[in-house]
Amino acid sequence: MKEALFYKKLKNKVQCNLCPHNCVIEEDKLGKCGVRKNIERKLFSLVYNKPVAIQVDPLTKKPLYHFLPGGNALSIGTVGCNFFCLGCQNWNIARANPEKFQVNEVNAEQIVKLAKENKCESIAFTYNEPTCYYEYMLDIAKLAKKKGIKNIIVSNGYINEEPLKELCKYIDAANIDLKAMDNKFYEKFCGARLSPVLNCLKILKKEKVYFEVTNLIIPGLNDKSKDVERLAKWVSENLGDVVLHFSRFFPMYRLEDVKETPIKTMEMAKKIGDKYLSYVYLGNINSESNTYCRKCNKLLIERKGYFVGRINIKNSKCTGCGEKIIGVF
């Protein structure tokens, strides 16, 4: 355990101010994330130094398509999540009880050492919501930055402004799930609110952290053309020309009765996205994911599944026509 950051003491309780739930937690109780506990009027992280998953992943799996293409990240995650998504893909760790989940402790120094041993130029905080293991993530990120290793978050974006700005000092890239442009969807599907996620994206832009956005398209919930258009338009108008991924839904967790997203719906989403943004990709689908220059159509990044082949970008420009390509190369 480690004493948590961003909380305040009340009379017989504590209030966690890490994420927008701002949980008021009674003695010996947990916050909504399930991993932050009030012990004698102090808030503790129960997942500090306790990853349940450590493995090497290609950055395309995050997905990050325009960040160090061809690179690998040492990817880690713990248990816990501050969302309650009905279609959660990692519900077995997101909803697990940390006090009943036995794992070996791995400290920040060991994580950075593993990244170096596996020739990973970055560490990705992923699998479950990294905000839930904020203190662990922050300590790793600080050390990694000193050692010349980049840091990545794959997040739902549900974090308060102060802790996010502190984290931005050490984070090099992010992929943020923007699940819908509808607060009712967030309330019903995630047990959260939309506005803090939008604010997170605006802060990342202001703090100059490179990020890409992912939207999971779920039949009957956020798959109408007006839903997609509203999202793509908001991204373009508020964040600029960022990379957008539309991901195909497959039945999972409490949405096992919902069928996978039709291919035609995915194609519709890409067509709409292409009206507003230069680089839109489809995920969880067998389709071409190469990157082409929007000006001269030259192949810029060749992808086969998660793996990257030819790269025709130099100094962040197309080697054919010199067009500036968004991303970190």
Protein backbone atom coordinates (compact mmCIF):
# COMPACT_ATOMS: atom_id res chain seq x y z
CA MET A 1 0.00 0.00 0.00
CA LYS A 2 0.96 3.63 -0.43
CA GLU A 3 -0.74 6.74 0.85
CA ALA A 4 -2.70 8.27 -1.98
CA LEU A 5 -2.26 11.69 -3.52
CA PHE A 6 -5.08 14.19 -4.08
CA TYR A 7 -7.42 13.63 -1.14
CA LYS A 8 -8.59 15.57 1.90
CA LYS A 9 -9.70 14.55 5.38
CA LEU A 10 -13.23 15.14 6.57
CA LYS A 11 -14.66 14.44 10.05
CA ASN A 12 -14.80 10.66 9.98
CA LYS A 13 -14.26 10.25 6.26
CA VAL A 14 -11.90 11.19 3.45
CA GLN A 15 -12.66 12.66 0.05
CA CYS A 16 -10.69 11.44 -2.94
CA ASN A 17 -10.11 14.21 -5.49
CA LEU A 18 -8.27 12.17 -8.10
CA CYS A 19 -11.18 11.68 -10.50
CA PRO A 20 -14.50 13.46 -11.06
CA HIS A 21 -16.39 10.99 -8.85
CA ASN A 22 -14.80 12.84 -5.90
CA CYS A 23 -15.74 9.91 -3.65
CA VAL A 24 -16.43 10.56 0.02
CA ILE A 25 -15.19 7.36 1.65
CA GLU A 26 -16.05 6.06 5.10
CA GLU A 27 -13.60 4.26 7.40
CA ASP A 28 -12.49 0.87 5.98
CA LYS A 29 -14.46 1.49 2.77
CA LEU A 30 -13.35 1.80 -0.86
CA GLY A 31 -13.92 4.46 -3.48
CA LYS A 32 -15.88 3.65 -6.64
CA CYS A 33 -12.69 2.49 -8.38
CA GLY A 34 -12.39 -0.30 -5.84
CA VAL A 35 -8.69 0.26 -5.15
CA ARG A 36 -8.47 3.32 -2.87
CA LYS A 37 -9.31 2.72 0.79
CA ASN A 38 -9.89 4.85 3.88
CA ILE A 39 -7.70 3.43 6.65
CA GLU A 40 -7.79 5.44 9.88
CA ARG A 41 -8.71 8.65 8.00
CA LYS A 42 -5.92 8.28 5.48
CA LEU A 43 -6.49 7.27 1.86
CA PHE A 44 -4.33 4.46 0.53
CA SER A 45 -3.76 2.94 -2.89
CA LEU A 46 -4.15 -0.83 -2.65
CA VAL A 47 -2.52 -1.45 -6.05
CA TYR A 48 0.79 0.37 -5.63
CA ASN A 49 3.61 -1.86 -6.97
CA LYS A 50 1.01 -4.54 -7.77
CA PRO A 51 0.65 -5.04 -11.54
CA VAL A 52 -1.48 -7.98 -12.65
CA ALA A 53 -0.26 -7.75 -16.25
CA ILE A 54 3.17 -6.96 -17.71
CA GLN A 55 3.99 -7.64 -21.34
CA VAL A 56 5.59 -6.16 -24.44
CA ASP A 57 3.08 -4.78 -26.98
CA PRO A 58 3.49 -3.02 -30.33
CA LEU A 59 2.33 0.59 -30.09
CA THR A 60 -0.21 -0.07 -32.83
CA LYS A 61 -2.11 -2.23 -30.30
CA LYS A 62 -2.78 0.71 -27.95
CA PRO A 63 -3.77 1.98 -30.59
CA LEU A 64 -1.19 4.66 -31.42
CA TYR A 65 -0.64 4.85 -35.18
CA HIS A 66 1.29 8.10 -35.47
CA PHE A 67 3.54 7.78 -32.41
CA LEU A 68 6.92 6.13 -32.97
CA PRO A 69 5.53 3.66 -35.57
CA GLY A 70 7.18 0.26 -35.34
CA GLY A 71 8.04 0.75 -31.68
CA ASN A 72 7.15 -1.47 -28.71
CA ALA A 73 5.97 -0.57 -25.23
CA LEU A 74 6.34 -2.41 -21.96
CA SER A 75 2.66 -2.47 -21.03
CA ILE A 76 1.38 -2.75 -17.47
CA GLY A 77 -1.93 -2.71 -15.64
CA THR A 78 -3.39 -3.37 -12.20
CA VAL A 79 -6.93 -4.11 -11.02
CA GLY A 80 -9.61 -1.46 -10.65
CA CYS A 81 -11.48 1.07 -12.79
CA ASN A 82 -13.46 4.25 -12.21
CA PHE A 83 -15.86 3.39 -15.06
CA PHE A 84 -18.49 0.65 -15.05
CA CYS A 85 -18.80 -0.02 -18.78
CA LEU A 86 -21.42 -2.62 -19.62
CA GLY A 87 -19.27 -3.92 -22.48
CA CYS A 88 -15.93 -3.90 -20.63
CA GLN A 89 -13.29 -6.02 -22.35
CA ASN A 90 -11.13 -6.37 -19.22
CA TRP A 91 -13.87 -6.73 -16.61
CA ASN A 92 -11.99 -9.58 -14.89
CA ILE A 93 -9.35 -7.11 -13.67
CA ALA A 94 -11.39 -3.89 -13.80
CA ARG A 95 -13.88 -5.23 -11.27
CA ALA A 96 -11.50 -7.43 -9.24
CA ASN A 97 -10.97 -6.97 -5.50
CA PRO A 98 -7.32 -5.96 -4.95
CA GLU A 99 -7.30 -7.44 -1.44
CA LYS A 100 -8.20 -10.85 -2.85
CA PHE A 101 -6.03 -10.64 -5.97
CA GLN A 102 -2.61 -12.02 -5.03
CA VAL A 103 0.28 -10.69 -7.12
CA ASN A 104 4.01 -10.24 -6.72
CA GLU A 105 5.16 -6.68 -6.08
CA VAL A 106 7.13 -4.98 -8.86
CA ASN A 107 8.49 -1.53 -8.06
CA ALA A 108 9.18 1.39 -10.40
CA GLU A 109 12.90 0.58 -10.70
CA GLN A 110 12.07 -2.98 -11.77
CA ILE A 111 9.53 -1.81 -14.36
CA VAL A 112 12.03 0.58 -15.94
CA LYS A 113 14.68 -2.15 -15.88
CA LEU A 114 12.27 -4.54 -17.65
CA ALA A 115 11.60 -1.91 -20.31
CA LYS A 116 15.32 -1.55 -20.98
CA GLU A 117 15.92 -5.32 -20.99
CA ASN A 118 13.13 -5.78 -23.53
CA LYS A 119 14.42 -2.89 -25.67
CA CYS A 120 11.19 -0.95 -25.26
CA GLU A 121 11.49 2.76 -25.89
CA SER A 122 8.27 3.42 -24.01
CA ILE A 123 6.15 2.22 -21.08
CA ALA A 124 2.38 2.07 -21.54
CA PHE A 125 -0.05 2.32 -18.65
CA THR A 126 -2.99 0.35 -19.97
CA TYR A 127 -5.26 -2.75 -19.64
CA ASN A 128 -7.27 -1.16 -16.80
CA GLU A 129 -7.77 2.55 -16.14
CA PRO A 130 -4.33 3.95 -15.19
CA THR A 131 -5.87 6.78 -13.16
CA CYS A 132 -6.71 4.11 -10.58
CA TYR A 133 -3.01 3.38 -10.01
CA TYR A 134 -1.99 7.01 -10.30
CA GLU A 135 0.76 6.98 -7.65
CA TYR A 136 2.39 3.87 -9.11
CA MET A 137 2.14 5.26 -12.64
CA LEU A 138 3.56 8.63 -11.60
CA ASP A 139 6.58 7.12 -9.85
CA ILE A 140 7.33 4.89 -12.84
CA ALA A 141 6.87 7.76 -15.30
CA LYS A 142 9.20 10.05 -13.38
CA LEU A 143 11.96 7.43 -13.31
CA ALA A 144 11.38 6.40 -16.93
CA LYS A 145 11.68 10.00 -18.09
CA LYS A 146 15.04 10.31 -16.33
CA LYS A 147 16.20 7.16 -18.13
CA GLY A 148 15.12 8.40 -21.56
CA ILE A 149 12.07 6.12 -21.82
CA LYS A 150 8.79 7.61 -23.01
CA ASN A 151 5.49 7.21 -21.15
CA ILE A 152 2.06 6.46 -22.60
CA ILE A 153 -1.41 6.32 -21.06
CA VAL A 154 -4.39 4.47 -22.52
CA SER A 155 -7.24 6.02 -20.59
CA ASN A 156 -10.94 6.80 -20.37
CA GLY A 157 -9.97 10.40 -19.62
CA TYR A 158 -11.87 10.52 -16.31
CA ILE A 159 -9.39 12.41 -14.16
CA ASN A 160 -9.47 15.75 -12.40
CA GLU A 161 -7.54 18.73 -13.72
CA GLU A 162 -4.87 19.03 -11.01
CA PRO A 163 -3.65 15.40 -11.11
CA LEU A 164 -3.84 15.39 -14.91
CA LYS A 165 -1.65 18.48 -15.21
CA GLU A 166 0.90 16.93 -12.85
CA LEU A 167 0.91 13.74 -14.92
CA CYS A 168 1.31 15.69 -18.16
CA LYS A 169 4.82 16.70 -17.05
CA TYR A 170 5.93 13.10 -17.57
CA ILE A 171 3.58 11.69 -20.24
CA ASP A 172 4.61 11.72 -23.91
CA ALA A 173 1.53 10.24 -25.56
CA ALA A 174 -2.02 9.12 -24.84
CA ASN A 175 -4.92 7.32 -26.39
CA ILE A 176 -8.20 8.52 -24.90
CA ASP A 177 -11.50 6.69 -25.25
CA LEU A 178 -14.23 9.11 -26.24
CA LYS A 179 -17.17 6.76 -25.90
CA ALA A 180 -19.90 9.06 -27.21
CA MET A 181 -20.90 12.71 -27.42
CA ASP A 182 -23.90 12.03 -25.20
CA ASN A 183 -23.95 12.48 -21.42
CA LYS A 184 -26.88 10.05 -21.07
CA PHE A 185 -24.76 7.38 -22.77
CA TYR A 186 -21.97 8.00 -20.25
CA GLU A 187 -24.36 7.84 -17.31
CA LYS A 188 -26.08 4.65 -18.46
CA PHE A 189 -23.19 2.78 -20.10
CA CYS A 190 -20.20 3.93 -17.98
CA GLY A 191 -21.59 5.24 -14.70
CA ALA A 192 -19.84 8.56 -15.34
CA ARG A 193 -20.20 11.94 -17.07
CA LEU A 194 -19.08 13.22 -20.47
CA SER A 195 -17.84 16.73 -19.63
CA PRO A 196 -14.74 15.69 -17.61
CA VAL A 197 -13.57 13.53 -20.53
CA LEU A 198 -13.90 16.44 -22.94
CA ASN A 199 -12.02 18.62 -20.49
CA CYS A 200 -9.24 16.02 -20.24
CA LEU A 201 -8.79 16.09 -24.00
CA LYS A 202 -8.62 19.89 -24.03
CA ILE A 203 -6.01 19.86 -21.25
CA LEU A 204 -3.86 17.31 -23.10
CA LYS A 205 -3.93 19.60 -26.12
CA LYS A 206 -3.08 22.66 -24.03
CA GLU A 207 -0.25 20.81 -22.26
CA LYS A 208 1.10 19.67 -25.66
CA VAL A 209 0.87 15.95 -24.94
CA TYR A 210 0.53 13.98 -28.18
CA PHE A 211 -2.73 12.00 -28.21
CA GLU A 212 -5.04 9.98 -30.41
CA VAL A 213 -8.75 9.35 -29.83
CA THR A 214 -10.68 6.07 -29.95
CA ASN A 215 -14.43 5.59 -30.24
CA LEU A 216 -15.94 2.12 -29.76
CA ILE A 217 -19.06 1.83 -31.94
CA ILE A 218 -21.77 -0.24 -30.25
CA PRO A 219 -24.88 -1.23 -32.21
CA GLY A 220 -28.01 0.45 -30.91
CA LEU A 221 -26.15 2.70 -28.50
CA ASN A 222 -23.85 5.11 -30.39
CA ASP A 223 -23.83 3.83 -33.97
CA LYS A 224 -26.09 6.28 -35.77
CA SER A 225 -24.58 8.54 -38.42
CA LYS A 226 -25.57 11.59 -36.35
CA ASP A 227 -23.68 10.14 -33.35
CA VAL A 228 -20.53 9.66 -35.41
CA GLU A 229 -20.82 13.06 -37.09
CA ARG A 230 -21.28 14.86 -33.79
CA LEU A 231 -18.17 13.19 -32.36
CA ALA A 232 -15.92 13.73 -35.38
CA LYS A 233 -17.04 17.35 -35.69
CA TRP A 234 -16.39 18.07 -32.00
CA VAL A 235 -12.91 16.52 -32.21
CA SER A 236 -12.05 18.58 -35.27
CA GLU A 237 -13.41 21.86 -33.92
CA ASN A 238 -12.02 21.54 -30.38
CA LEU A 239 -8.86 19.45 -30.69
CA GLY A 240 -7.72 20.09 -34.25
CA ASP A 241 -6.58 17.51 -36.78
CA VAL A 242 -5.88 14.55 -34.47
CA VAL A 243 -5.82 10.84 -35.31
CA LEU A 244 -9.19 9.16 -34.73
CA HIS A 245 -9.83 5.44 -34.39
CA PHE A 246 -13.25 3.84 -34.73
CA SER A 247 -13.21 0.44 -33.04
CA ARG A 248 -15.58 -2.43 -33.79
CA PHE A 249 -17.61 -3.81 -30.87
CA PHE A 250 -17.81 -7.51 -30.05
CA PRO A 251 -20.21 -8.99 -27.44
CA MET A 252 -18.64 -8.82 -23.97
CA TYR A 253 -19.45 -8.76 -20.25
CA ARG A 254 -23.00 -7.46 -19.76
CA LEU A 255 -23.61 -6.79 -23.46
CA GLU A 256 -23.29 -10.37 -24.67
CA ASP A 257 -26.74 -10.10 -26.26
CA VAL A 258 -25.60 -7.24 -28.52
CA LYS A 259 -24.24 -8.34 -31.90
CA GLU A 260 -20.88 -7.20 -33.25
CA THR A 261 -20.81 -3.93 -35.16
CA PRO A 262 -21.68 -4.48 -38.86
CA ILE A 263 -18.89 -3.77 -41.33
CA LYS A 264 -21.11 -1.31 -43.18
CA THR A 265 -21.49 0.71 -39.97
CA MET A 266 -17.72 0.86 -39.59
CA GLU A 267 -17.34 1.99 -43.19
CA MET A 268 -19.98 4.65 -42.62
CA ALA A 269 -18.07 5.93 -39.59
CA LYS A 270 -14.83 6.21 -41.54
CA LYS A 271 -16.53 8.06 -44.37
CA ILE A 272 -17.94 10.60 -41.94
CA GLY A 273 -14.68 10.89 -40.02
CA ASP A 274 -12.76 11.53 -43.24
CA LYS A 275 -14.85 14.67 -43.80
CA TYR A 276 -13.43 16.27 -40.67
CA LEU A 277 -10.01 14.71 -40.03
CA SER A 278 -6.98 13.73 -42.09
CA TYR A 279 -6.31 10.33 -40.52
CA VAL A 280 -9.15 8.04 -39.50
CA TYR A 281 -8.67 4.31 -38.89
CA LEU A 282 -10.87 1.30 -38.23
CA GLY A 283 -9.97 -1.10 -35.43
CA ASN A 284 -10.98 -4.70 -34.60
CA ILE A 285 -11.67 -5.24 -38.28
CA ASN A 286 -9.82 -6.92 -41.13
CA SER A 287 -9.26 -3.90 -43.33
CA GLU A 288 -6.28 -1.95 -44.58
CA SER A 289 -4.72 0.23 -41.92
CA ASN A 290 -1.87 1.75 -43.93
CA THR A 291 -1.25 5.49 -43.69
CA TYR A 292 -1.22 7.49 -46.92
CA CYS A 293 -0.32 11.13 -47.47
CA ARG A 294 -3.52 13.12 -47.78
CA LYS A 295 -1.84 15.42 -50.31
CA CYS A 296 -0.01 13.09 -52.74
CA ASN A 297 -1.35 9.66 -51.64
CA LYS A 298 2.14 8.22 -51.08
CA LEU A 299 2.33 5.23 -48.72
CA LEU A 300 3.65 6.68 -45.46
CA ILE A 301 3.33 3.81 -42.97
CA GLU A 302 2.74 0.20 -43.98
CA ARG A 303 0.90 -1.93 -41.41
CA LYS A 304 0.14 -5.63 -41.34
CA GLY A 305 -2.03 -6.29 -38.34
CA TYR A 306 -0.19 -4.83 -35.37
CA PHE A 307 3.17 -4.80 -37.11
CA VAL A 308 4.72 -1.98 -39.11
CA GLY A 309 6.64 -2.36 -42.37
CA ARG A 310 7.85 0.49 -44.57
CA ILE A 311 7.90 4.05 -43.22
CA ASN A 312 8.20 6.92 -45.69
CA ILE A 313 8.26 9.82 -43.26
CA LYS A 314 11.32 11.97 -42.61
CA ASN A 315 11.44 14.89 -40.20
CA SER A 316 7.67 14.43 -39.75
CA LYS A 317 7.12 15.04 -43.47
CA CYS A 318 6.03 12.92 -46.41
CA THR A 319 9.13 11.87 -48.35
CA GLY A 320 7.14 12.31 -51.58
CA CYS A 321 5.75 15.82 -51.39
CA GLY A 322 7.01 17.24 -48.10
CA GLU A 323 3.54 17.46 -46.53
CA LYS A 324 3.65 17.80 -42.72
CA ILE A 325 2.29 14.65 -41.06
CA ILE A 326 0.70 14.87 -37.61
CA GLY A 327 2.36 12.67 -35.05
CA VAL A 328 5.69 11.85 -33.37
CA PHE A 329 8.13 10.04 -35.66
